[in-house]
C-alpha cells in the first residue's frame, strides 16, 4: 500500500478529485497555501494499493496543468520622492508536486 500526497493548484483540484473518484480512487482534500506566490492550493491524500499507483499518478498528470500568469510585483517601501514602476512579470503556476510513500499500516475505523 502507498500514500500519495499531491499538492495541486486550487484550479485543478476539483476536476482531479472527480477523475480519481470516477476510477474508484478515494482521496482526502485539505486546503493549503504555499509556494512562491502564496496562492491557494489543495493537498490530496490518496491511499492506494500498489497496483493503483500508476493509475492515480496518470490521473493527476492529466488534470494538473502548468500555465502562465502575469503578475505585478509588490513594490518595495520607497522613500518620499522615489518612484517604483512595476511591470507585469510572467510566472508559471499550476501543475502538481507529488510524493509517493510506503504505508506500513492502514486501518479504517
C-alpha atoms as a PDB file:
ATOM      1  CA  UNK A   1       0.000   0.000   0.000  1.00  0.00           C
ATOM      2  CA  UNK A   2       1.121   3.556  -0.775  1.00  0.00           C
ATOM      3  CA  UNK A   3       0.143   7.035   0.334  1.00  0.00           C
ATOM      4  CA  UNK A   4       0.170   9.612  -2.439  1.00  0.00           C
ATOM      5  CA  UNK A   5       0.397  13.208  -1.231  1.00  0.00           C
ATOM      6  CA  UNK A   6      -0.314  15.558  -4.130  1.00  0.00           C
ATOM      7  CA  UNK A   7      -0.176  19.338  -3.766  1.00  0.00           C
ATOM      8  CA  UNK A   8      -2.188  20.816  -6.639  1.00  0.00           C
ATOM      9  CA  UNK A   9      -3.314  24.315  -7.550  1.00  0.00           C
ATOM     10  CA  UNK A  10      -6.843  25.172  -6.450  1.00  0.00           C
ATOM     11  CA  UNK A  11      -7.995  25.498 -10.087  1.00  0.00           C
ATOM     12  CA  UNK A  12      -7.024  21.895 -10.807  1.00  0.00           C
ATOM     13  CA  UNK A  13      -8.295  20.308  -7.604  1.00  0.00           C
ATOM     14  CA  UNK A  14     -11.972  19.725  -8.353  1.00  0.00           C
ATOM     15  CA  UNK A  15     -11.502  18.023 -11.709  1.00  0.00           C
ATOM     16  CA  UNK A  16      -8.660  15.911 -10.274  1.00  0.00           C
ATOM     17  CA  UNK A  17     -10.816  14.686  -7.383  1.00  0.00           C
ATOM     18  CA  UNK A  18     -13.705  13.908  -9.745  1.00  0.00           C
ATOM     19  CA  UNK A  19     -11.401  11.988 -12.113  1.00  0.00           C
ATOM     20  CA  UNK A  20      -9.945   9.998  -9.204  1.00  0.00           C
ATOM     21  CA  UNK A  21     -13.431   9.208  -7.862  1.00  0.00           C
ATOM     22  CA  UNK A  22     -14.557   8.067 -11.335  1.00  0.00           C
ATOM     23  CA  UNK A  23     -11.812   5.416 -11.152  1.00  0.00           C
ATOM     24  CA  UNK A  24     -12.859   4.390  -7.602  1.00  0.00           C
ATOM     25  CA  UNK A  25      -9.807   6.057  -6.058  1.00  0.00           C
ATOM     26  CA  UNK A  26     -10.784   7.892  -2.885  1.00  0.00           C
ATOM     27  CA  UNK A  27      -8.956  10.968  -1.658  1.00  0.00           C
ATOM     28  CA  UNK A  28      -8.981  13.373   1.253  1.00  0.00           C
ATOM     29  CA  UNK A  29      -8.861  17.043   0.279  1.00  0.00           C
ATOM     30  CA  UNK A  30      -7.058  19.538   2.534  1.00  0.00           C
ATOM     31  CA  UNK A  31      -6.945  23.268   1.780  1.00  0.00           C
ATOM     32  CA  UNK A  32      -3.386  24.593   1.878  1.00  0.00           C
ATOM     33  CA  UNK A  33      -1.352  27.631   0.910  1.00  0.00           C
ATOM     34  CA  UNK A  34       2.217  27.781  -0.190  1.00  0.00           C
ATOM     35  CA  UNK A  35       4.784  28.200  -2.842  1.00  0.00           C
ATOM     36  CA  UNK A  36       6.421  31.281  -4.229  1.00  0.00           C
ATOM     37  CA  UNK A  37       3.152  33.140  -4.816  1.00  0.00           C
ATOM     38  CA  UNK A  38       1.393  32.047  -1.605  1.00  0.00           C
ATOM     39  CA  UNK A  39      -1.686  31.112  -3.623  1.00  0.00           C
ATOM     40  CA  UNK A  40      -4.367  28.649  -2.600  1.00  0.00           C
ATOM     41  CA  UNK A  41      -3.508  25.015  -3.108  1.00  0.00           C
ATOM     42  CA  UNK A  42      -5.187  21.760  -2.278  1.00  0.00           C
ATOM     43  CA  UNK A  43      -3.304  18.855  -0.770  1.00  0.00           C
ATOM     44  CA  UNK A  44      -4.783  15.498  -1.738  1.00  0.00           C
ATOM     45  CA  UNK A  45      -4.041  12.490   0.433  1.00  0.00           C
ATOM     46  CA  UNK A  46      -4.687   9.317  -1.534  1.00  0.00           C
ATOM     47  CA  UNK A  47      -4.279   5.846  -0.085  1.00  0.00           C
ATOM     48  CA  UNK A  48      -3.994   3.169  -2.801  1.00  0.00           C
ATOM     49  CA  UNK A  49      -2.880  -0.391  -3.316  1.00  0.00           C
ATOM     50  CA  UNK A  50       0.430  -0.727  -5.118  1.00  0.00           C
ATOM     51  CA  UNK A  51      -1.400  -1.725  -8.315  1.00  0.00           C
ATOM     52  CA  UNK A  52      -3.347   1.581  -8.369  1.00  0.00           C
ATOM     53  CA  UNK A  53      -0.360   3.932  -8.039  1.00  0.00           C
ATOM     54  CA  UNK A  54       0.225   4.237 -11.795  1.00  0.00           C
ATOM     55  CA  UNK A  55      -3.465   4.990 -12.448  1.00  0.00           C
ATOM     56  CA  UNK A  56      -3.581   7.646  -9.729  1.00  0.00           C
ATOM     57  CA  UNK A  57      -0.411   9.321 -10.991  1.00  0.00           C
ATOM     58  CA  UNK A  58      -1.721   9.293 -14.572  1.00  0.00           C
ATOM     59  CA  UNK A  59      -4.964  10.965 -13.449  1.00  0.00           C
ATOM     60  CA  UNK A  60      -3.059  13.638 -11.527  1.00  0.00           C
ATOM     61  CA  UNK A  61      -0.810  14.249 -14.535  1.00  0.00           C
ATOM     62  CA  UNK A  62      -3.785  14.564 -16.912  1.00  0.00           C
ATOM     63  CA  UNK A  63      -5.681  17.021 -14.694  1.00  0.00           C
ATOM     64  CA  UNK A  64      -2.989  19.268 -13.208  1.00  0.00           C
ATOM     65  CA  UNK A  65      -1.510  21.591 -15.808  1.00  0.00           C
ATOM     66  CA  UNK A  66       1.147  24.233 -15.579  1.00  0.00           C
ATOM     67  CA  UNK A  67       0.090  27.574 -17.026  1.00  0.00           C
ATOM     68  CA  UNK A  68       1.466  31.099 -17.396  1.00  0.00           C
ATOM     69  CA  UNK A  69       0.188  34.045 -15.402  1.00  0.00           C
ATOM     70  CA  UNK A  70       1.199  37.689 -15.469  1.00  0.00           C
ATOM     71  CA  UNK A  71       1.599  39.211 -12.030  1.00  0.00           C
ATOM     72  CA  UNK A  72       2.641  42.674 -10.979  1.00  0.00           C
ATOM     73  CA  UNK A  73       5.288  42.530  -8.257  1.00  0.00           C
ATOM     74  CA  UNK A  74       4.545  44.294  -4.989  1.00  0.00           C
ATOM     75  CA  UNK A  75       6.634  47.469  -4.844  1.00  0.00           C
ATOM     76  CA  UNK A  76       9.150  47.799  -2.017  1.00  0.00           C
ATOM     77  CA  UNK A  77       8.722  50.548   0.539  1.00  0.00           C
ATOM     78  CA  UNK A  78      10.020  53.689  -1.086  1.00  0.00           C
ATOM     79  CA  UNK A  79      11.404  56.832   0.400  1.00  0.00           C
ATOM     80  CA  UNK A  80       9.415  60.021  -0.160  1.00  0.00           C
ATOM     81  CA  UNK A  81      10.024  61.311  -3.680  1.00  0.00           C
ATOM     82  CA  UNK A  82      11.088  57.913  -5.082  1.00  0.00           C
ATOM     83  CA  UNK A  83       9.096  56.168  -7.774  1.00  0.00           C
ATOM     84  CA  UNK A  84       8.783  52.445  -8.428  1.00  0.00           C
ATOM     85  CA  UNK A  85       7.406  51.439 -11.802  1.00  0.00           C
ATOM     86  CA  UNK A  86       6.378  47.816 -11.695  1.00  0.00           C
ATOM     87  CA  UNK A  87       5.834  45.823 -14.838  1.00  0.00           C
ATOM     88  CA  UNK A  88       3.899  42.564 -15.026  1.00  0.00           C
ATOM     89  CA  UNK A  89       6.110  39.507 -14.822  1.00  0.00           C
ATOM     90  CA  UNK A  90       5.273  36.165 -16.433  1.00  0.00           C
ATOM     91  CA  UNK A  91       5.373  33.257 -13.967  1.00  0.00           C
ATOM     92  CA  UNK A  92       4.482  29.579 -14.247  1.00  0.00           C
ATOM     93  CA  UNK A  93       1.737  28.329 -11.910  1.00  0.00           C
ATOM     94  CA  UNK A  94      -0.135  25.078 -11.580  1.00  0.00           C
ATOM     95  CA  UNK A  95       0.991  21.550 -12.091  1.00  0.00           C
ATOM     96  CA  UNK A  96       1.412  19.313  -9.069  1.00  0.00           C
ATOM     97  CA  UNK A  97       4.007  18.261  -6.552  1.00  0.00           C
ATOM     98  CA  UNK A  98       3.533  14.582  -5.750  1.00  0.00           C
ATOM     99  CA  UNK A  99       5.057  12.351  -3.081  1.00  0.00           C
ATOM    100  CA  UNK A 100       4.523   8.587  -3.040  1.00  0.00           C
ATOM    101  CA  UNK A 101       5.427   6.973   0.270  1.00  0.00           C
ATOM    102  CA  UNK A 102       5.088   3.403   1.544  1.00  0.00           C
ATOM    103  CA  UNK A 103       2.458   2.673   4.202  1.00  0.00           C
ATOM    104  CA  UNK A 104       3.418   0.234   6.938  1.00  0.00           C
ATOM    105  CA  UNK A 105      -0.050   0.002   8.415  1.00  0.00           C
ATOM    106  CA  UNK A 106      -3.570   1.049   7.450  1.00  0.00           C
ATOM    107  CA  UNK A 107      -6.786   0.928   9.485  1.00  0.00           C
ATOM    108  CA  UNK A 108     -10.208   2.234   8.631  1.00  0.00           C
ATOM    109  CA  UNK A 109     -12.141   2.857  11.818  1.00  0.00           C
END
